[in-house]
Protein backbone atom coordinates (compact mmCIF):
# COMPACT_ATOMS: atom_id res chain seq x y z
CA MET A 1 -59.14 -18.81 14.12
CA ALA A 2 -56.73 -19.89 11.46
CA ILE A 3 -53.13 -18.83 11.63
CA LYS A 4 -52.20 -16.73 8.63
CA LYS A 5 -49.08 -18.04 6.92
CA LYS A 6 -46.46 -15.39 6.20
CA SER A 7 -45.74 -14.94 2.54
CA LYS A 8 -42.23 -14.97 1.19
CA PRO A 9 -40.71 -11.60 0.27
CA THR A 10 -40.77 -10.71 -3.39
CA LEU A 11 -37.65 -10.24 -5.46
CA LYS A 12 -38.26 -6.48 -5.49
CA GLU A 13 -38.39 -6.42 -1.66
CA LEU A 14 -35.22 -8.52 -1.42
CA MET A 15 -33.38 -6.21 -3.82
CA SER A 16 -34.50 -3.18 -1.81
CA ILE A 17 -33.28 -4.74 1.45
CA CYS A 18 -29.93 -5.70 -0.13
CA GLY A 19 -29.50 -2.16 -1.43
CA LYS A 20 -30.14 -0.71 2.02
CA ILE A 21 -27.67 -3.16 3.59
CA MET A 22 -25.03 -2.19 1.04
CA MET A 23 -25.56 1.52 1.70
CA HIS A 24 -25.28 0.95 5.44
CA GLN A 25 -22.13 -1.13 4.94
CA ASP A 26 -20.55 1.65 2.86
CA ALA A 27 -21.39 4.20 5.55
CA LEU A 28 -19.80 2.01 8.23
CA ARG A 29 -16.70 1.46 6.08
CA SER A 30 -16.39 5.20 5.61
CA GLU A 31 -16.69 5.88 9.35
CA ILE A 32 -14.09 3.23 10.18
CA THR A 33 -11.68 4.65 7.60
CA ASN A 34 -12.14 8.17 8.94
CA ASN A 35 -11.62 7.04 12.53
CA ALA A 36 -8.43 5.19 11.59
CA ARG A 37 -7.19 8.29 9.77
CA VAL A 38 -7.87 10.48 12.83
CA VAL A 39 -5.94 8.09 15.09
CA ASP A 40 -3.02 8.01 12.64
CA GLU A 41 -2.93 11.79 12.40
CA TYR A 42 -3.03 12.14 16.19
CA ILE A 43 -0.12 9.73 16.58
CA GLN A 44 1.88 11.67 13.99
CA TYR A 45 0.98 14.95 15.71
CA LYS A 46 2.22 13.69 19.07
CA GLU A 47 5.27 12.01 17.44
CA ASP A 48 5.10 9.23 20.03
CA LYS A 49 4.15 6.06 18.16
CA ASP A 50 6.11 3.73 20.46
CA GLY A 51 4.60 5.29 23.57
CA PHE A 52 1.12 4.95 22.12
CA ILE A 53 1.70 1.28 21.30
CA GLU A 54 2.93 0.62 24.84
CA TYR A 55 -0.11 2.44 26.22
CA LEU A 56 -2.42 0.24 24.13
CA LYS A 57 -0.64 -2.90 25.30
CA THR A 58 -1.21 -1.94 28.93
CA LYS A 59 -4.86 -0.93 28.39
CA LEU A 60 -5.97 -3.66 25.99
CA GLU A 61 -5.53 -7.37 26.29
CA ILE A 62 -4.09 -8.37 22.94
CA ASP A 63 -4.82 -11.89 21.73
CA ASP A 64 -1.66 -12.98 19.91
CA LYS A 65 -2.29 -16.72 20.01
CA ASP A 66 -2.25 -16.93 16.22
CA LYS A 67 1.07 -15.09 16.12
CA GLU A 68 2.63 -17.52 18.59
CA LYS A 69 1.44 -20.51 16.52
CA ALA A 70 2.90 -18.99 13.36
CA GLU A 71 6.27 -18.40 15.05
CA GLU A 72 6.41 -22.03 16.26
CA GLU A 73 5.91 -23.39 12.74
């Protein structure tokens, strides 16, 4: 039995795949923007931005190594 060599995709197939990737990227960008907007509105609704930032600092480990390097220079 001979192994069948896979053929390269055609330009039309590549363009179709790129179009689908772009549409998916736009959908993700839209979802991220909407989620950021919801978080911002919630913070404004609660009127406790500083408290929310402190809460995030305690819950999330923030990697500020780049910030420390920038302050040293």
